[in-house]
Protein backbone atom coordinates (compact mmCIF):
# COMPACT_ATOMS: atom_id res chain seq x y z
CA MET A 1 149.25 88.19 60.47
CA ASN A 2 148.29 84.42 59.04
CA GLU A 3 150.77 81.69 61.37
CA TYR A 4 149.72 79.05 58.20
CA ALA A 5 150.82 78.42 55.31
CA VAL A 6 148.28 76.28 53.79
CA GLU A 7 144.89 75.89 54.76
CA ILE A 8 142.61 73.56 53.44
CA SER A 9 138.48 73.13 54.78
CA ASP A 10 136.03 70.51 53.25
CA LEU A 11 137.82 70.01 50.28
CA SER A 12 136.33 67.17 48.42
CA LYS A 13 137.26 65.84 44.86
CA THR A 14 135.00 63.15 42.88
CA PHE A 15 136.18 61.58 39.92
CA ILE A 16 133.44 59.94 37.08
CA SER A 17 135.54 56.66 36.30
CA ILE A 18 134.35 55.21 32.87
CA ARG A 19 134.82 51.80 31.82
CA ARG A 20 134.69 51.59 28.21
CA ARG A 21 133.70 48.67 25.64
CA ALA A 22 135.96 49.03 22.20
CA ILE A 23 137.41 52.56 23.39
CA VAL A 24 135.16 55.07 22.59
CA ILE A 25 131.66 53.18 23.72
CA PRO A 26 131.20 54.05 27.68
CA VAL A 27 129.39 50.66 29.42
CA GLU A 28 129.90 51.81 33.26
CA ARG A 29 130.13 54.85 35.41
CA THR A 30 131.77 55.02 38.74
CA ARG A 31 131.71 57.67 40.69
CA VAL A 32 134.76 58.06 42.90
CA GLU A 33 135.45 59.92 45.93
CA ALA A 34 139.07 60.62 46.23
CA LEU A 35 138.89 63.35 48.63
CA LYS A 36 136.05 63.32 51.15
CA SER A 37 135.98 66.69 53.35
CA VAL A 38 139.72 66.78 53.98
CA THR A 39 140.69 69.92 56.14
CA LEU A 40 144.24 70.83 57.57
CA ASN A 41 146.00 73.34 58.26
CA ILE A 42 149.50 73.76 57.88
CA PRO A 43 151.56 76.64 59.96
CA LYS A 44 154.76 78.52 58.34
CA GLY A 45 157.98 76.54 58.38
CA GLN A 46 156.54 73.16 59.16
CA ILE A 47 157.13 69.90 57.40
CA TYR A 48 153.58 68.01 57.67
CA GLY A 49 153.43 64.47 56.19
CA LEU A 50 150.79 62.96 54.54
CA LEU A 51 151.15 59.10 55.00
CA GLY A 52 148.93 56.44 53.21
CA PRO A 53 148.61 53.54 50.73
CA ASN A 54 148.61 54.08 47.35
CA GLY A 55 145.38 55.22 46.18
CA ALA A 56 144.50 56.90 49.07
CA GLY A 57 144.47 60.39 47.69
CA LYS A 58 147.52 61.54 48.67
CA THR A 59 148.43 62.54 44.87
CA THR A 60 144.94 64.05 43.99
CA LEU A 61 145.30 66.66 47.26
CA ILE A 62 148.86 67.93 46.12
CA LYS A 63 147.05 68.26 42.55
CA CYS A 64 144.21 70.61 43.73
CA LEU A 65 146.60 72.36 45.97
CA ALA A 66 148.99 73.22 42.87
CA THR A 67 145.61 74.01 40.98
CA LEU A 68 146.39 71.07 38.55
CA VAL A 69 142.95 69.53 39.46
CA LEU A 70 140.01 71.28 40.44
CA PRO A 71 138.10 69.92 43.49
CA THR A 72 134.66 69.45 43.59
CA SER A 73 133.92 71.11 46.76
CA GLY A 74 135.65 73.04 49.95
CA THR A 75 138.04 75.52 49.65
CA ALA A 76 142.25 75.81 49.85
CA ARG A 77 144.34 78.69 50.33
CA VAL A 78 148.48 78.34 49.76
CA ASN A 79 150.26 81.66 51.51
CA GLY A 80 146.75 83.07 52.08
CA TYR A 81 146.11 82.78 47.74
CA ASP A 82 143.07 80.77 47.51
CA VAL A 83 143.73 78.68 44.85
CA LEU A 84 140.84 78.51 42.22
CA LYS A 85 140.24 82.67 42.74
CA GLU A 86 143.64 83.54 42.84
CA SER A 87 145.44 80.96 41.32
CA THR A 88 148.21 82.86 39.33
CA TYR A 89 149.27 84.01 42.94
CA ALA A 90 149.39 80.55 44.41
CA ARG A 91 151.68 79.07 42.04
CA ALA A 92 154.14 81.72 42.31
CA SER A 93 153.90 80.62 46.13
CA MET A 94 154.96 77.47 46.19
CA GLY A 95 157.55 74.72 44.29
CA VAL A 96 155.54 71.30 43.27
CA CYS A 97 157.62 67.91 42.91
CA GLN A 98 155.89 64.77 41.75
CA GLY A 99 157.56 61.51 41.46
CA ASN A 100 157.56 61.57 37.79
CA GLU A 101 160.58 61.93 35.73
CA ARG A 102 158.80 62.20 32.95
CA SER A 103 158.17 66.01 33.40
CA ILE A 104 161.46 67.43 32.17
CA TYR A 105 162.42 67.40 28.56
CA TRP A 106 164.59 64.08 28.10
CA LYS A 107 166.29 66.20 24.77
CA LEU A 108 167.31 69.08 26.60
CA SER A 109 170.67 68.67 29.07
CA ALA A 110 170.11 69.16 32.69
CA ARG A 111 171.45 72.73 32.47
CA GLU A 112 168.82 73.32 29.69
CA ASN A 113 165.93 72.30 31.69
CA MET A 114 166.28 74.23 34.57
CA ILE A 115 167.27 77.41 32.31
CA PHE A 116 163.97 76.96 30.59
CA PHE A 117 161.65 76.30 33.72
CA ALA A 118 163.40 79.39 35.11
CA LYS A 119 162.67 81.84 32.62
CA LEU A 120 158.91 80.92 33.13
CA TYR A 121 159.15 82.42 36.37
CA ARG A 122 160.28 85.68 33.96
CA MET A 123 164.08 85.01 35.44
CA PRO A 124 166.57 87.13 32.86
CA HIS A 125 168.98 84.49 31.38
CA ASP A 126 172.31 85.38 33.33
CA GLU A 127 170.21 84.94 36.75
CA ALA A 128 168.53 81.80 35.34
CA ARG A 129 171.67 80.16 34.35
CA GLU A 130 173.20 81.16 37.85
CA ARG A 131 170.58 79.70 39.57
CA ALA A 132 170.64 76.37 37.59
CA ASP A 133 174.01 75.68 37.97
CA ASP A 134 173.79 76.69 41.85
CA LEU A 135 171.25 73.88 42.42
CA LEU A 136 172.58 71.02 39.99
CA GLY A 137 175.65 71.61 42.32
CA ARG A 138 173.49 71.64 45.58
CA MET A 139 172.08 68.35 44.11
CA GLY A 140 175.37 67.15 43.20
CA LEU A 141 175.10 67.37 39.47
CA LEU A 142 177.10 70.15 37.90
CA GLU A 143 179.30 67.92 36.17
CA LYS A 144 176.41 66.23 34.27
CA ALA A 145 174.83 69.84 33.84
CA ASN A 146 175.70 69.40 29.92
CA GLU A 147 174.30 65.74 29.72
CA LYS A 148 171.02 65.28 27.89
CA VAL A 149 168.43 64.13 30.22
CA GLU A 150 167.66 60.98 28.66
CA ASN A 151 171.30 60.02 29.03
CA LEU A 152 171.24 60.00 33.27
CA SER A 153 169.59 57.70 35.55
CA HIS A 154 166.53 57.83 36.79
CA GLY A 155 167.74 59.18 40.47
CA MET A 156 169.43 62.15 38.73
CA ARG A 157 166.27 62.81 36.77
CA MET A 158 164.65 63.00 39.90
CA LYS A 159 166.90 65.42 41.49
CA ILE A 160 166.46 67.77 38.39
CA VAL A 161 162.76 67.51 39.24
CA PHE A 162 163.42 68.31 42.66
CA ALA A 163 165.67 71.25 42.05
CA ARG A 164 163.53 72.41 39.30
CA ALA A 165 160.95 73.14 42.14
CA LEU A 166 163.17 75.21 43.96
CA LEU A 167 163.86 77.72 41.11
CA HIS A 168 162.09 80.35 41.99
CA ASP A 169 163.27 80.20 46.17
CA PRO A 170 159.33 79.22 47.05
CA PRO A 171 157.86 79.30 50.24
CA ILE A 172 156.17 76.88 50.26
CA LEU A 173 156.69 73.53 49.04
CA LEU A 174 154.39 70.38 47.43
CA LEU A 175 156.63 67.16 47.43
CA ASP A 176 154.42 64.04 46.13
CA GLU A 177 156.44 60.64 46.91
CA PRO A 178 159.49 62.81 45.71
CA THR A 179 161.76 59.51 46.33
CA GLN A 180 159.55 56.74 45.16
CA GLY A 181 161.40 54.34 42.92
CA LEU A 182 164.71 55.87 43.83
CA ASP A 183 168.06 53.86 44.93
CA PRO A 184 168.84 53.77 48.75
CA THR A 185 171.82 56.29 47.97
CA PHE A 186 169.53 58.81 46.05
CA ALA A 187 166.92 58.44 48.56
CA THR A 188 168.66 59.34 51.08
CA ASP A 189 170.85 62.26 49.60
CA LEU A 190 167.44 63.69 49.15
CA ARG A 191 166.08 62.92 52.65
CA ARG A 192 169.40 64.73 54.11
CA PHE A 193 168.47 67.78 51.98
CA ILE A 194 164.88 68.17 53.27
CA ARG A 195 166.02 67.75 56.62
CA ASP A 196 169.11 70.03 56.24
CA GLU A 197 168.44 72.71 53.75
CA LEU A 198 164.55 73.40 53.87
CA HIS A 199 164.25 73.43 57.24
CA ASP A 200 162.94 77.29 56.66
CA ARG A 201 160.27 76.07 54.09
CA THR A 202 157.00 75.11 54.92
CA ILE A 203 156.50 71.47 53.22
CA LEU A 204 153.82 69.00 52.00
CA LEU A 205 155.47 65.77 51.52
CA THR A 206 153.47 62.77 50.74
CA THR A 207 154.54 59.37 51.27
CA HIS A 208 153.90 55.73 52.08
CA TYR A 209 156.77 55.02 53.57
CA MET A 210 156.94 55.11 57.26
CA HIS A 211 160.57 55.69 57.99
CA GLU A 212 160.76 58.98 55.79
CA ALA A 213 157.60 60.32 57.56
CA ASP A 214 158.79 59.27 60.80
CA LEU A 215 162.25 61.11 60.19
CA LEU A 216 161.40 64.48 58.62
CA CYS A 217 157.70 65.41 59.17
CA ASP A 218 157.02 67.74 62.56
CA LYS A 219 153.53 66.04 61.87
CA ILE A 220 152.23 63.55 60.13
CA ALA A 221 148.44 62.95 58.87
CA LEU A 222 147.06 59.46 57.89
CA ILE A 223 145.25 59.37 54.83
CA ASN A 224 143.07 55.88 53.80
CA GLU A 225 140.30 56.46 50.94
CA GLY A 226 140.14 59.89 50.80
CA GLU A 227 139.60 60.79 54.35
CA LEU A 228 142.03 62.04 57.07
CA LYS A 229 142.00 59.29 59.98
CA SER A 230 144.46 60.85 62.67
CA LEU A 231 147.04 63.90 62.72
CA GLY A 232 150.00 64.41 65.51
CA THR A 233 153.41 64.37 65.62
CA PRO A 234 155.45 60.86 65.04
CA LYS A 235 155.43 60.20 68.56
CA GLU A 236 151.80 61.21 69.51
CA LEU A 237 150.39 58.53 66.57
CA LYS A 238 152.41 55.93 68.41
CA GLU A 239 151.00 56.72 71.50
CA GLU A 240 147.68 55.65 70.11
CA VAL A 241 149.39 51.77 69.92
CA ARG A 242 151.59 52.19 72.66
CA ASN A 243 149.72 49.63 75.01
CA TYR A 244 149.80 46.67 72.52
CA ASP A 245 152.72 45.05 70.97
CA SER A 246 153.17 43.45 67.41
CA LEU A 247 154.30 40.00 66.09
CA HIS A 248 156.37 39.56 63.20
CA MET A 249 156.50 36.15 61.90
CA LYS A 250 157.99 34.08 59.05
CA VAL A 251 156.90 31.08 57.64
CA VAL A 252 156.73 28.58 55.26
CA GLY A 253 153.35 27.38 54.00
CA SER A 254 149.93 28.93 54.70
CA PRO A 255 148.57 29.41 58.25
CA ASP A 256 144.69 29.91 58.84
CA ILE A 257 145.00 33.72 59.08
CA GLU A 258 140.83 33.72 60.23
CA SER A 259 141.77 31.68 63.04
CA ILE A 260 144.69 33.57 64.29
CA ARG A 261 141.96 36.49 64.10
CA ALA A 262 139.37 34.63 65.98
CA MET A 263 142.23 34.37 68.90
CA ASP A 264 140.66 36.39 71.89
CA MET A 265 143.90 38.12 72.73
CA VAL A 266 144.42 39.35 69.03
CA MET A 267 143.52 42.88 67.93
CA THR A 268 144.75 42.96 64.39
CA ALA A 269 146.40 40.27 62.00
CA THR A 270 147.44 40.69 58.18
CA SER A 271 149.38 38.02 56.06
CA THR A 272 150.96 38.53 52.83
CA GLU A 273 152.26 35.53 51.03
CA ARG A 274 154.68 35.27 47.90
CA ASN A 275 156.53 32.01 46.53
CA GLY A 276 155.05 29.50 49.25
CA HIS A 277 156.27 31.88 52.01
CA SER A 278 153.79 34.07 54.25
CA GLU A 279 154.84 37.13 56.54
CA LEU A 280 152.38 37.29 59.50
CA VAL A 281 151.81 40.59 61.34
CA VAL A 282 149.61 40.60 64.49
CA THR A 283 148.62 42.66 67.35
CA ALA A 284 148.02 41.96 71.07
CA GLU A 285 148.26 43.68 74.35
CA ASP A 286 150.70 41.06 75.59
CA GLY A 287 153.14 39.91 72.00
CA TYR A 288 155.08 37.54 74.23
CA GLU A 289 152.21 35.93 75.36
CA LEU A 290 150.76 35.72 71.91
CA ALA A 291 154.19 34.46 70.27
CA TYR A 292 153.71 31.25 73.04
CA ARG A 293 150.98 30.47 71.67
CA LEU A 294 151.27 31.34 68.01
CA LEU A 295 154.04 29.18 67.90
CA ASN A 296 152.52 26.43 69.62
CA ILE A 297 149.72 26.31 67.32
CA MET A 298 152.15 26.49 63.83
CA HIS A 299 153.94 24.04 65.02
CA GLN A 300 151.20 21.65 65.41
CA THR A 301 150.28 22.81 62.07
CA PRO A 302 150.67 20.56 59.32
CA GLY A 303 152.74 22.17 56.26
CA VAL A 304 154.02 25.27 58.32
CA LYS A 305 157.41 25.78 59.34
CA VAL A 306 158.20 29.30 61.48
CA GLU A 307 161.33 30.61 60.22
CA HIS A 308 161.56 33.72 62.32
CA PHE A 309 159.43 35.77 64.78
CA GLU A 310 160.27 39.06 66.67
CA VAL A 311 157.89 41.35 69.09
CA LYS A 312 158.33 44.68 67.86
CA GLU A 313 157.57 48.42 69.49
CA PRO A 314 154.62 49.93 67.51
CA THR A 315 154.92 51.70 64.37
CA LEU A 316 152.87 54.26 62.29
CA ASP A 317 151.81 51.31 60.20
CA ASP A 318 150.56 50.02 63.40
CA VAL A 319 148.49 52.77 64.17
CA PHE A 320 146.97 52.65 60.48
CA LEU A 321 146.09 49.31 60.55
CA LYS A 322 144.32 49.79 64.01
CA LEU A 323 142.39 52.93 62.62
CA THR A 324 141.82 51.56 58.77
CA GLY A 325 141.87 48.18 59.26
CA ARG A 326 144.82 47.61 56.43
CA ARG A 327 148.42 48.36 56.08
CA ILE A 328 150.13 51.36 54.83
CA GLU A 329 152.14 49.17 52.42
CA ASP A 330 148.89 47.53 50.95
């Protein structure tokens, strides 16, 4: 018996991006490698996170598994079914939730949406209605069941999209940034539901929220520019930078980031500027010694004033920075 619910082997996807003049005249064709020989096996009953910045290839991988996009090369199997050769059986084995409320019908009510999609799975009407009301109730939306979707909040719509993925009780769920754009209350509700109610499912969750991956996932795959960079439990990944400290500093003005990077004890350094303020994140083996030296440098730099600084334990973002040279939020 196969122990893996999802099997991905050397999966690649290349797009041809076309820049046009006057809408119809192509002037430049660019080859974009969205996925580069991705290999990943997910055991049954586990939650795997795919963590990376926007444009890393997370959604493309989900779409390949969901049979929405054809891979350029490689293979993928869901519940033992090849997504290309046995796509009908693969689709029946999974539920897909993408962070896009436009995938439901706004002129229908919440209940009507659920019943419509349930019937696509060939459920009898009474069973479809019962299943719809059960899931809307579990999402806290039963009182809104007869409301048109266009009159609901973004968070409520996303709960309907999420519930729709559960209609046919699939053993495998592909969740593509399900909490993106949600307010903290709705996001917390969905994370709690995933953690407490779906512990018996196999889930591939894409996100760029580090705390979400840390909270929910048994293992996390870090992805950047279409390539998997590392795979492990949150604890194992953080062990990769356990000998380093992360210094977070907020300053008024624009410090010389290149001079900071050139310091002999600095491993990595990034700076984000907003409204005349800069946020520095610098890693080194001894964060406290680094803080002492940087504070002295900042004090002597005209036009720069330190507002706040702290030395933190390494995070998944620090692991990602070490592996790729960029931050997950970039």
